[in-house]
Amino acid sequence: MIFNDLALFTSVARHLSFSGAATQLDIPLSRVSRKVAELEEHLGVKLFERTTRQVRLTEEGRRLLDQVQEPIEALQNVAGFLEETGRHTIRVTAPPMALQDRIGSLLLEFAALRPDIHLEVSATNAILDFFRDNIDLAFRVGPLQDSTLVARKLWTLDYYFCAGEEFVQTNDLHCPVTLARLMELPVLMARQPWLLADGRVLKPDQVAHEFDTLDMLAGAARRNMGVTILPSEMITDGLIAIKVADAQPTRRDMFAVYPSRRLLPARVRDLIDFLATV
């Protein structure tokens, strides 16, 4: 039995109102009714007596409330499940370079449109745990490995081979070259193989440096230290895309990711919808 179901039950019991709980938790009324019905089915007892005018706890409902109310409220205070300030928090994580580019500007635009929302944004390349790190929404570039998460595709990122201007000039890379020719040059890697659009996986031999972040790859390429692969948005300020006649890096999708086992608050759903339509 998950924490959110019991927290939702406690909210309904506290208000003696399904609509009151829906308003407090910022989720649809239909979802409140469905989750309570699922909890009743799971326990095999009826928790509420419902009429057109009122809601009241059954004997089983009162006994359950006596057992779970204090621990649920304690957990809510720790996790910040309920917002007492009138502003609702969305906790977001995204790679630093993604925040510097499109995602960061869109989050600011959403925040300007929704003064009732308080954003907490963590810029990291680490894969944070939604529950341990108390994250509502993550932005991740596919392919995704965790099949237990819900992922909504936002947009597609085009990737290109690239290098610094001096490196391109010195190695005569202005015209299309072959992949074999490119692989003779020093390569800058992100600790993972290069994926090509035709399905090939490249593990270059001439690896000059390996970095964990795209911004370090871009910085090294600007210093003419080798060839790398970057999203098109990052190939600026001294970087030049290199055309390779017989190879093209695969395109990759940006996803908004959230836990499938967790009730999705309306505010988070609003943010995802906003990002998907701009």
C-alpha atoms as a PDB file:
ATOM      1  CA  MET A   1       0.000   0.000   0.000  1.00  0.00           C
ATOM      2  CA  ILE A   2       1.601   3.253  -1.063  1.00  0.00           C
ATOM      3  CA  PHE A   3       2.039   6.350   1.047  1.00  0.00           C
ATOM      4  CA  ASN A   4       0.066   8.593  -1.308  1.00  0.00           C
ATOM      5  CA  ASP A   5      -3.105   6.500  -1.027  1.00  0.00           C
ATOM      6  CA  LEU A   6      -3.072   6.744   2.757  1.00  0.00           C
ATOM      7  CA  ALA A   7      -2.201  10.449   2.623  1.00  0.00           C
ATOM      8  CA  LEU A   8      -5.122  11.028   0.267  1.00  0.00           C
ATOM      9  CA  PHE A   9      -7.457   9.034   2.556  1.00  0.00           C
ATOM     10  CA  THR A  10      -6.293  11.121   5.533  1.00  0.00           C
ATOM     11  CA  SER A  11      -7.013  14.354   3.667  1.00  0.00           C
ATOM     12  CA  VAL A  12     -10.539  13.242   2.737  1.00  0.00           C
ATOM     13  CA  ALA A  13     -11.164  12.133   6.321  1.00  0.00           C
ATOM     14  CA  ARG A  14      -9.864  15.434   7.689  1.00  0.00           C
ATOM     15  CA  HIS A  15     -12.138  17.473   5.395  1.00  0.00           C
ATOM     16  CA  LEU A  16     -14.987  14.955   5.266  1.00  0.00           C
ATOM     17  CA  SER A  17     -15.080  16.107   1.676  1.00  0.00           C
ATOM     18  CA  PHE A  18     -13.686  14.621  -1.518  1.00  0.00           C
ATOM     19  CA  SER A  19     -13.677  18.010  -3.229  1.00  0.00           C
ATOM     20  CA  GLY A  20     -11.933  19.610  -0.254  1.00  0.00           C
ATOM     21  CA  ALA A  21      -9.175  17.005  -0.428  1.00  0.00           C
ATOM     22  CA  ALA A  22      -8.864  17.478  -4.186  1.00  0.00           C
ATOM     23  CA  THR A  23      -8.434  21.222  -3.737  1.00  0.00           C
ATOM     24  CA  GLN A  24      -5.862  20.841  -0.978  1.00  0.00           C
ATOM     25  CA  LEU A  25      -3.810  18.258  -2.857  1.00  0.00           C
ATOM     26  CA  ASP A  26      -4.228  20.045  -6.202  1.00  0.00           C
ATOM     27  CA  ILE A  27      -5.410  16.929  -8.049  1.00  0.00           C
ATOM     28  CA  PRO A  28      -8.655  16.195  -9.951  1.00  0.00           C
ATOM     29  CA  LEU A  29     -11.737  15.229  -7.922  1.00  0.00           C
ATOM     30  CA  SER A  30     -12.220  12.161 -10.124  1.00  0.00           C
ATOM     31  CA  ARG A  31      -8.768  10.920  -9.143  1.00  0.00           C
ATOM     32  CA  VAL A  32      -9.516  11.335  -5.447  1.00  0.00           C
ATOM     33  CA  SER A  33     -12.691   9.248  -5.782  1.00  0.00           C
ATOM     34  CA  ARG A  34     -10.923   6.581  -7.827  1.00  0.00           C
ATOM     35  CA  LYS A  35      -7.961   6.256  -5.462  1.00  0.00           C
ATOM     36  CA  VAL A  36     -10.194   6.004  -2.386  1.00  0.00           C
ATOM     37  CA  ALA A  37     -12.266   3.320  -4.136  1.00  0.00           C
ATOM     38  CA  GLU A  38      -9.066   1.437  -4.975  1.00  0.00           C
ATOM     39  CA  LEU A  39      -7.920   1.697  -1.344  1.00  0.00           C
ATOM     40  CA  GLU A  40     -11.283   0.362  -0.139  1.00  0.00           C
ATOM     41  CA  GLU A  41     -11.049  -2.514  -2.593  1.00  0.00           C
ATOM     42  CA  HIS A  42      -7.496  -3.268  -1.496  1.00  0.00           C
ATOM     43  CA  LEU A  43      -8.466  -3.330   2.198  1.00  0.00           C
ATOM     44  CA  GLY A  44     -11.770  -5.093   1.594  1.00  0.00           C
ATOM     45  CA  VAL A  45     -13.731  -2.590   3.708  1.00  0.00           C
ATOM     46  CA  LYS A  46     -15.786   0.546   3.150  1.00  0.00           C
ATOM     47  CA  LEU A  47     -14.037   3.628   4.549  1.00  0.00           C
ATOM     48  CA  PHE A  48     -16.639   6.319   3.867  1.00  0.00           C
ATOM     49  CA  GLU A  49     -20.407   6.615   3.754  1.00  0.00           C
ATOM     50  CA  ARG A  50     -21.271   8.981   0.914  1.00  0.00           C
ATOM     51  CA  THR A  51     -24.556  10.750   0.247  1.00  0.00           C
ATOM     52  CA  THR A  52     -25.405  13.710  -1.948  1.00  0.00           C
ATOM     53  CA  ARG A  53     -25.088  16.013   1.071  1.00  0.00           C
ATOM     54  CA  GLN A  54     -22.321  14.660   3.253  1.00  0.00           C
ATOM     55  CA  VAL A  55     -19.378  12.310   3.696  1.00  0.00           C
ATOM     56  CA  ARG A  56     -18.701  10.487   6.935  1.00  0.00           C
ATOM     57  CA  LEU A  57     -16.255   7.845   8.090  1.00  0.00           C
ATOM     58  CA  THR A  58     -17.371   4.273   8.636  1.00  0.00           C
ATOM     59  CA  GLU A  59     -16.225   2.419  11.744  1.00  0.00           C
ATOM     60  CA  GLU A  60     -13.426   0.846   9.683  1.00  0.00           C
ATOM     61  CA  GLY A  61     -12.522   4.278   8.345  1.00  0.00           C
ATOM     62  CA  ARG A  62     -12.243   5.734  11.849  1.00  0.00           C
ATOM     63  CA  ARG A  63     -10.022   2.855  12.957  1.00  0.00           C
ATOM     64  CA  LEU A  64      -7.752   3.305   9.946  1.00  0.00           C
ATOM     65  CA  LEU A  65      -7.551   7.067  10.537  1.00  0.00           C
ATOM     66  CA  ASP A  66      -6.574   6.503  14.173  1.00  0.00           C
ATOM     67  CA  GLN A  67      -3.683   4.312  13.031  1.00  0.00           C
ATOM     68  CA  VAL A  68      -2.322   6.364  10.126  1.00  0.00           C
ATOM     69  CA  GLN A  69      -3.082  10.031  10.834  1.00  0.00           C
ATOM     70  CA  GLU A  70      -0.092  10.843  13.043  1.00  0.00           C
ATOM     71  CA  PRO A  71       2.578   9.020  10.977  1.00  0.00           C
ATOM     72  CA  ILE A  72       1.132  10.401   7.741  1.00  0.00           C
ATOM     73  CA  GLU A  73       1.174  13.961   9.060  1.00  0.00           C
ATOM     74  CA  ALA A  74       4.747  13.490  10.291  1.00  0.00           C
ATOM     75  CA  LEU A  75       5.851  12.255   6.884  1.00  0.00           C
ATOM     76  CA  GLN A  76       4.020  15.108   5.173  1.00  0.00           C
ATOM     77  CA  ASN A  77       5.863  17.634   7.311  1.00  0.00           C
ATOM     78  CA  VAL A  78       9.199  16.057   6.385  1.00  0.00           C
ATOM     79  CA  ALA A  79       8.509  15.634   2.679  1.00  0.00           C
ATOM     80  CA  GLY A  80       6.619  18.885   2.200  1.00  0.00           C
ATOM     81  CA  PHE A  81       3.670  16.987   0.747  1.00  0.00           C
ATOM     82  CA  LEU A  82       1.220  19.723   1.736  1.00  0.00           C
ATOM     83  CA  GLU A  83       1.859  23.390   1.051  1.00  0.00           C
ATOM     84  CA  GLU A  84       0.802  25.710   3.858  1.00  0.00           C
ATOM     85  CA  THR A  85       1.936  28.950   2.245  1.00  0.00           C
ATOM     86  CA  GLY A  86      -0.640  29.125  -0.537  1.00  0.00           C
ATOM     87  CA  ARG A  87       2.115  28.544  -3.120  1.00  0.00           C
ATOM     88  CA  HIS A  88       2.706  25.121  -4.620  1.00  0.00           C
ATOM     89  CA  THR A  89       6.186  23.729  -5.123  1.00  0.00           C
ATOM     90  CA  ILE A  90       7.469  21.819  -8.147  1.00  0.00           C
ATOM     91  CA  ARG A  91      10.870  20.219  -7.639  1.00  0.00           C
ATOM     92  CA  VAL A  92      12.696  19.774 -10.935  1.00  0.00           C
ATOM     93  CA  THR A  93      16.023  18.280 -11.974  1.00  0.00           C
ATOM     94  CA  ALA A  94      17.734  18.699 -15.348  1.00  0.00           C
ATOM     95  CA  PRO A  95      21.242  18.559 -16.855  1.00  0.00           C
ATOM     96  CA  PRO A  96      23.089  21.886 -16.462  1.00  0.00           C
ATOM     97  CA  MET A  97      23.465  22.455 -20.210  1.00  0.00           C
ATOM     98  CA  ALA A  98      19.771  21.763 -20.806  1.00  0.00           C
ATOM     99  CA  LEU A  99      18.916  24.403 -18.214  1.00  0.00           C
ATOM    100  CA  GLN A 100      21.247  26.895 -19.881  1.00  0.00           C
ATOM    101  CA  ASP A 101      19.448  26.321 -23.153  1.00  0.00           C
ATOM    102  CA  ARG A 102      15.775  25.691 -23.881  1.00  0.00           C
ATOM    103  CA  ILE A 103      14.547  24.129 -20.626  1.00  0.00           C
ATOM    104  CA  GLY A 104      15.803  26.905 -18.376  1.00  0.00           C
ATOM    105  CA  SER A 105      14.123  29.668 -20.367  1.00  0.00           C
ATOM    106  CA  LEU A 106      10.863  27.710 -20.563  1.00  0.00           C
ATOM    107  CA  LEU A 107      10.832  27.113 -16.807  1.00  0.00           C
ATOM    108  CA  LEU A 108      11.255  30.850 -16.261  1.00  0.00           C
ATOM    109  CA  GLU A 109       8.443  31.573 -18.702  1.00  0.00           C
ATOM    110  CA  PHE A 110       6.155  29.135 -16.897  1.00  0.00           C
ATOM    111  CA  ALA A 111       7.061  30.648 -13.518  1.00  0.00           C
ATOM    112  CA  ALA A 112       6.192  34.121 -14.820  1.00  0.00           C
ATOM    113  CA  LEU A 113       2.798  32.879 -15.985  1.00  0.00           C
ATOM    114  CA  ARG A 114       2.101  31.036 -12.733  1.00  0.00           C
ATOM    115  CA  PRO A 115       2.957  33.167  -9.684  1.00  0.00           C
ATOM    116  CA  ASP A 116       1.242  30.531  -7.528  1.00  0.00           C
ATOM    117  CA  ILE A 117       4.054  28.096  -8.367  1.00  0.00           C
ATOM    118  CA  HIS A 118       7.351  27.910  -6.488  1.00  0.00           C
ATOM    119  CA  LEU A 119      10.070  26.203  -8.546  1.00  0.00           C
ATOM    120  CA  GLU A 120      13.009  24.387  -6.971  1.00  0.00           C
ATOM    121  CA  VAL A 121      15.462  23.470  -9.749  1.00  0.00           C
ATOM    122  CA  SER A 122      18.461  21.175  -9.333  1.00  0.00           C
ATOM    123  CA  ALA A 123      21.077  21.354 -12.106  1.00  0.00           C
ATOM    124  CA  THR A 124      22.904  18.034 -12.222  1.00  0.00           C
ATOM    125  CA  ASN A 125      23.918  15.320 -14.637  1.00  0.00           C
ATOM    126  CA  ALA A 126      23.319  12.721 -11.926  1.00  0.00           C
ATOM    127  CA  ILE A 127      20.206  10.560 -12.164  1.00  0.00           C
ATOM    128  CA  LEU A 128      18.395  11.556  -8.972  1.00  0.00           C
ATOM    129  CA  ASP A 129      15.915   9.258  -7.232  1.00  0.00           C
ATOM    130  CA  PHE A 130      12.391  10.680  -7.314  1.00  0.00           C
ATOM    131  CA  PHE A 131      11.455   9.494  -3.835  1.00  0.00           C
ATOM    132  CA  ARG A 132      14.756   9.686  -1.968  1.00  0.00           C
ATOM    133  CA  ASP A 133      15.570  13.133  -3.401  1.00  0.00           C
ATOM    134  CA  ASN A 134      11.943  14.374  -3.340  1.00  0.00           C
ATOM    135  CA  ILE A 135      11.805  15.193  -7.053  1.00  0.00           C
ATOM    136  CA  ASP A 136       8.545  15.855  -8.920  1.00  0.00           C
ATOM    137  CA  LEU A 137       9.844  16.055 -12.485  1.00  0.00           C
ATOM    138  CA  ALA A 138      13.080  15.269 -14.305  1.00  0.00           C
ATOM    139  CA  PHE A 139      14.306  16.164 -17.774  1.00  0.00           C
ATOM    140  CA  ARG A 140      16.322  13.374 -19.376  1.00  0.00           C
ATOM    141  CA  VAL A 141      17.678  12.656 -22.826  1.00  0.00           C
ATOM    142  CA  GLY A 142      16.731   9.278 -24.284  1.00  0.00           C
ATOM    143  CA  PRO A 143      17.069   6.444 -24.655  1.00  0.00           C
ATOM    144  CA  LEU A 144      15.700   5.913 -21.151  1.00  0.00           C
ATOM    145  CA  GLN A 145      16.589   2.828 -19.142  1.00  0.00           C
ATOM    146  CA  ASP A 146      14.048   2.794 -16.276  1.00  0.00           C
ATOM    147  CA  SER A 147      10.803   1.251 -17.555  1.00  0.00           C
ATOM    148  CA  THR A 148       8.982   2.011 -14.271  1.00  0.00           C
ATOM    149  CA  LEU A 149       8.882   5.730 -15.073  1.00  0.00           C
ATOM    150  CA  VAL A 150       6.388   7.644 -17.165  1.00  0.00           C
ATOM    151  CA  ALA A 151       8.125   9.608 -19.924  1.00  0.00           C
ATOM    152  CA  ARG A 152       6.577  12.248 -22.165  1.00  0.00           C
ATOM    153  CA  LYS A 153       8.536  13.255 -25.234  1.00  0.00           C
ATOM    154  CA  LEU A 154       9.014  17.012 -25.484  1.00  0.00           C
ATOM    155  CA  TRP A 155      11.243  17.549 -28.516  1.00  0.00           C
ATOM    156  CA  THR A 156      14.031  15.989 -30.566  1.00  0.00           C
ATOM    157  CA  LEU A 157      17.677  17.053 -30.391  1.00  0.00           C
ATOM    158  CA  ASP A 158      19.852  17.002 -33.500  1.00  0.00           C
ATOM    159  CA  TYR A 159      23.489  16.057 -32.895  1.00  0.00           C
ATOM    160  CA  TYR A 160      26.472  16.804 -35.154  1.00  0.00           C
ATOM    161  CA  PHE A 161      30.176  16.119 -35.338  1.00  0.00           C
ATOM    162  CA  CYS A 162      32.005  19.353 -34.568  1.00  0.00           C
ATOM    163  CA  ALA A 163      35.351  20.908 -33.658  1.00  0.00           C
ATOM    164  CA  GLY A 164      36.951  24.290 -33.053  1.00  0.00           C
ATOM    165  CA  GLU A 165      37.625  26.670 -35.962  1.00  0.00           C
ATOM    166  CA  GLU A 166      41.407  26.260 -35.861  1.00  0.00           C
ATOM    167  CA  PHE A 167      41.110  22.470 -35.644  1.00  0.00           C
ATOM    168  CA  VAL A 168      38.778  22.411 -38.663  1.00  0.00           C
ATOM    169  CA  GLN A 169      41.143  24.652 -40.628  1.00  0.00           C
ATOM    170  CA  THR A 170      44.299  22.712 -39.715  1.00  0.00           C
ATOM    171  CA  ASN A 171      42.772  19.330 -40.595  1.00  0.00           C
ATOM    172  CA  ASP A 172      40.942  20.525 -43.729  1.00  0.00           C
ATOM    173  CA  LEU A 173      37.492  19.581 -42.432  1.00  0.00           C
ATOM    174  CA  HIS A 174      35.487  22.293 -44.213  1.00  0.00           C
ATOM    175  CA  CYS A 175      34.391  19.874 -46.954  1.00  0.00           C
ATOM    176  CA  PRO A 176      32.603  16.565 -46.290  1.00  0.00           C
ATOM    177  CA  VAL A 177      34.986  13.872 -45.063  1.00  0.00           C
ATOM    178  CA  THR A 178      34.659  10.135 -44.546  1.00  0.00           C
ATOM    179  CA  LEU A 179      34.128   8.582 -41.144  1.00  0.00           C
ATOM    180  CA  ALA A 180      37.428   6.743 -41.526  1.00  0.00           C
ATOM    181  CA  ARG A 181      39.207  10.076 -41.988  1.00  0.00           C
ATOM    182  CA  LEU A 182      37.475  11.550 -38.952  1.00  0.00           C
ATOM    183  CA  MET A 183      38.492   8.578 -36.793  1.00  0.00           C
ATOM    184  CA  GLU A 184      42.175   9.303 -37.530  1.00  0.00           C
ATOM    185  CA  LEU A 185      41.876  12.551 -35.534  1.00  0.00           C
ATOM    186  CA  PRO A 186      41.920  13.148 -31.755  1.00  0.00           C
ATOM    187  CA  VAL A 187      38.461  12.543 -30.297  1.00  0.00           C
ATOM    188  CA  LEU A 188      36.704  14.048 -27.280  1.00  0.00           C
ATOM    189  CA  MET A 189      34.300  11.599 -25.622  1.00  0.00           C
ATOM    190  CA  ALA A 190      31.567  11.719 -22.965  1.00  0.00           C
ATOM    191  CA  ARG A 191      32.454   8.315 -21.445  1.00  0.00           C
ATOM    192  CA  GLN A 192      30.026   6.505 -23.733  1.00  0.00           C
ATOM    193  CA  PRO A 193      30.188   5.232 -27.325  1.00  0.00           C
ATOM    194  CA  TRP A 194      29.029   7.356 -30.241  1.00  0.00           C
ATOM    195  CA  LEU A 195      25.649   6.289 -31.607  1.00  0.00           C
ATOM    196  CA  LEU A 196      25.026   6.783 -35.325  1.00  0.00           C
ATOM    197  CA  ALA A 197      21.716   7.239 -37.084  1.00  0.00           C
ATOM    198  CA  ASP A 198      22.105   3.938 -38.953  1.00  0.00           C
ATOM    199  CA  GLY A 199      22.451   2.017 -35.693  1.00  0.00           C
ATOM    200  CA  ARG A 200      26.226   1.693 -35.602  1.00  0.00           C
ATOM    201  CA  VAL A 201      28.020   2.129 -32.289  1.00  0.00           C
ATOM    202  CA  LEU A 202      31.451   3.740 -32.505  1.00  0.00           C
ATOM    203  CA  LYS A 203      34.262   3.364 -29.989  1.00  0.00           C
ATOM    204  CA  PRO A 204      37.039   5.583 -31.386  1.00  0.00           C
ATOM    205  CA  ASP A 205      40.635   4.580 -30.786  1.00  0.00           C
ATOM    206  CA  GLN A 206      42.156   8.072 -30.806  1.00  0.00           C
ATOM    207  CA  VAL A 207      40.491   9.354 -27.618  1.00  0.00           C
ATOM    208  CA  ALA A 208      42.271  12.471 -26.434  1.00  0.00           C
ATOM    209  CA  HIS A 209      40.063  13.219 -23.421  1.00  0.00           C
ATOM    210  CA  GLU A 210      36.898  11.956 -21.709  1.00  0.00           C
ATOM    211  CA  PHE A 211      34.498  14.212 -19.817  1.00  0.00           C
ATOM    212  CA  ASP A 212      31.247  13.699 -17.913  1.00  0.00           C
ATOM    213  CA  THR A 213      29.581  16.912 -19.069  1.00  0.00           C
ATOM    214  CA  LEU A 214      28.698  18.396 -22.439  1.00  0.00           C
ATOM    215  CA  ASP A 215      29.928  21.826 -21.421  1.00  0.00           C
ATOM    216  CA  MET A 216      33.431  20.426 -20.850  1.00  0.00           C
ATOM    217  CA  LEU A 217      33.279  18.680 -24.230  1.00  0.00           C
ATOM    218  CA  ALA A 218      32.309  21.969 -25.860  1.00  0.00           C
ATOM    219  CA  GLY A 219      35.043  23.832 -23.988  1.00  0.00           C
ATOM    220  CA  ALA A 220      37.695  21.337 -25.048  1.00  0.00           C
ATOM    221  CA  ALA A 221      36.521  21.465 -28.661  1.00  0.00           C
ATOM    222  CA  ARG A 222      36.682  25.286 -28.638  1.00  0.00           C
ATOM    223  CA  ARG A 223      40.278  24.928 -27.518  1.00  0.00           C
ATOM    224  CA  ASN A 224      40.911  22.831 -30.644  1.00  0.00           C
ATOM    225  CA  MET A 225      41.660  19.690 -28.656  1.00  0.00           C
ATOM    226  CA  GLY A 226      39.724  17.296 -30.896  1.00  0.00           C
ATOM    227  CA  VAL A 227      36.497  16.264 -32.613  1.00  0.00           C
ATOM    228  CA  THR A 228      33.329  15.598 -30.621  1.00  0.00           C
ATOM    229  CA  ILE A 229      29.544  15.231 -30.953  1.00  0.00           C
ATOM    230  CA  LEU A 230      27.237  17.888 -29.533  1.00  0.00           C
ATOM    231  CA  PRO A 231      23.594  18.987 -29.829  1.00  0.00           C
ATOM    232  CA  SER A 232      23.088  21.581 -32.555  1.00  0.00           C
ATOM    233  CA  GLU A 233      22.158  24.240 -29.964  1.00  0.00           C
ATOM    234  CA  MET A 234      25.671  24.043 -28.495  1.00  0.00           C
ATOM    235  CA  ILE A 235      27.587  24.408 -31.753  1.00  0.00           C
ATOM    236  CA  THR A 236      28.185  28.150 -31.439  1.00  0.00           C
ATOM    237  CA  ASP A 237      30.933  30.595 -30.449  1.00  0.00           C
ATOM    238  CA  GLY A 238      33.914  29.122 -32.278  1.00  0.00           C
ATOM    239  CA  LEU A 239      32.565  25.618 -32.909  1.00  0.00           C
ATOM    240  CA  ILE A 240      31.907  24.390 -36.464  1.00  0.00           C
ATOM    241  CA  ALA A 241      29.761  21.448 -37.523  1.00  0.00           C
ATOM    242  CA  ILE A 242      31.618  18.858 -39.592  1.00  0.00           C
ATOM    243  CA  LYS A 243      29.866  17.090 -42.462  1.00  0.00           C
ATOM    244  CA  VAL A 244      30.676  13.391 -42.675  1.00  0.00           C
ATOM    245  CA  ALA A 245      29.661  11.773 -45.949  1.00  0.00           C
ATOM    246  CA  ASP A 246      28.967   8.289 -44.639  1.00  0.00           C
ATOM    247  CA  ALA A 247      27.838   8.879 -41.045  1.00  0.00           C
ATOM    248  CA  GLN A 248      25.461  11.018 -39.008  1.00  0.00           C
ATOM    249  CA  PRO A 249      25.038  11.025 -35.207  1.00  0.00           C
ATOM    250  CA  THR A 250      21.674   9.731 -34.075  1.00  0.00           C
ATOM    251  CA  ARG A 251      18.998  12.183 -33.028  1.00  0.00           C
ATOM    252  CA  ARG A 252      17.945  11.957 -29.404  1.00  0.00           C
ATOM    253  CA  ASP A 253      14.702  12.859 -27.676  1.00  0.00           C
ATOM    254  CA  MET A 254      14.249  15.039 -24.613  1.00  0.00           C
ATOM    255  CA  PHE A 255      11.701  13.639 -22.152  1.00  0.00           C
ATOM    256  CA  ALA A 256       9.843  14.929 -19.128  1.00  0.00           C
ATOM    257  CA  VAL A 257       9.984  12.015 -16.686  1.00  0.00           C
ATOM    258  CA  TYR A 258       8.044  11.305 -13.510  1.00  0.00           C
ATOM    259  CA  PRO A 259       7.222   8.245 -11.351  1.00  0.00           C
ATOM    260  CA  SER A 260       4.354   6.087 -12.567  1.00  0.00           C
ATOM    261  CA  ARG A 261       3.537   5.026  -9.004  1.00  0.00           C
ATOM    262  CA  ARG A 262       2.918   8.554  -7.808  1.00  0.00           C
ATOM    263  CA  LEU A 263      -0.183  10.708  -8.129  1.00  0.00           C
ATOM    264  CA  LEU A 264       0.680  13.487 -10.546  1.00  0.00           C
ATOM    265  CA  PRO A 265      -0.413  16.851  -9.076  1.00  0.00           C
ATOM    266  CA  ALA A 266      -2.242  19.194 -11.430  1.00  0.00           C
ATOM    267  CA  ARG A 267       0.548  21.780 -11.157  1.00  0.00           C
ATOM    268  CA  VAL A 268       3.130  19.291 -12.467  1.00  0.00           C
ATOM    269  CA  ARG A 269       0.794  18.194 -15.243  1.00  0.00           C
ATOM    270  CA  ASP A 270       0.299  21.876 -16.167  1.00  0.00           C
ATOM    271  CA  LEU A 271       4.063  22.357 -16.426  1.00  0.00           C
ATOM    272  CA  ILE A 272       4.473  19.272 -18.635  1.00  0.00           C
ATOM    273  CA  ASP A 273       1.621  20.403 -20.898  1.00  0.00           C
ATOM    274  CA  PHE A 274       3.157  23.874 -21.155  1.00  0.00           C
ATOM    275  CA  LEU A 275       6.545  22.473 -22.144  1.00  0.00           C
ATOM    276  CA  ALA A 276       5.029  20.137 -24.714  1.00  0.00           C
ATOM    277  CA  THR A 277       3.092  22.880 -26.505  1.00  0.00           C
ATOM    278  CA  VAL A 278       5.649  25.694 -26.787  1.00  0.00           C
END
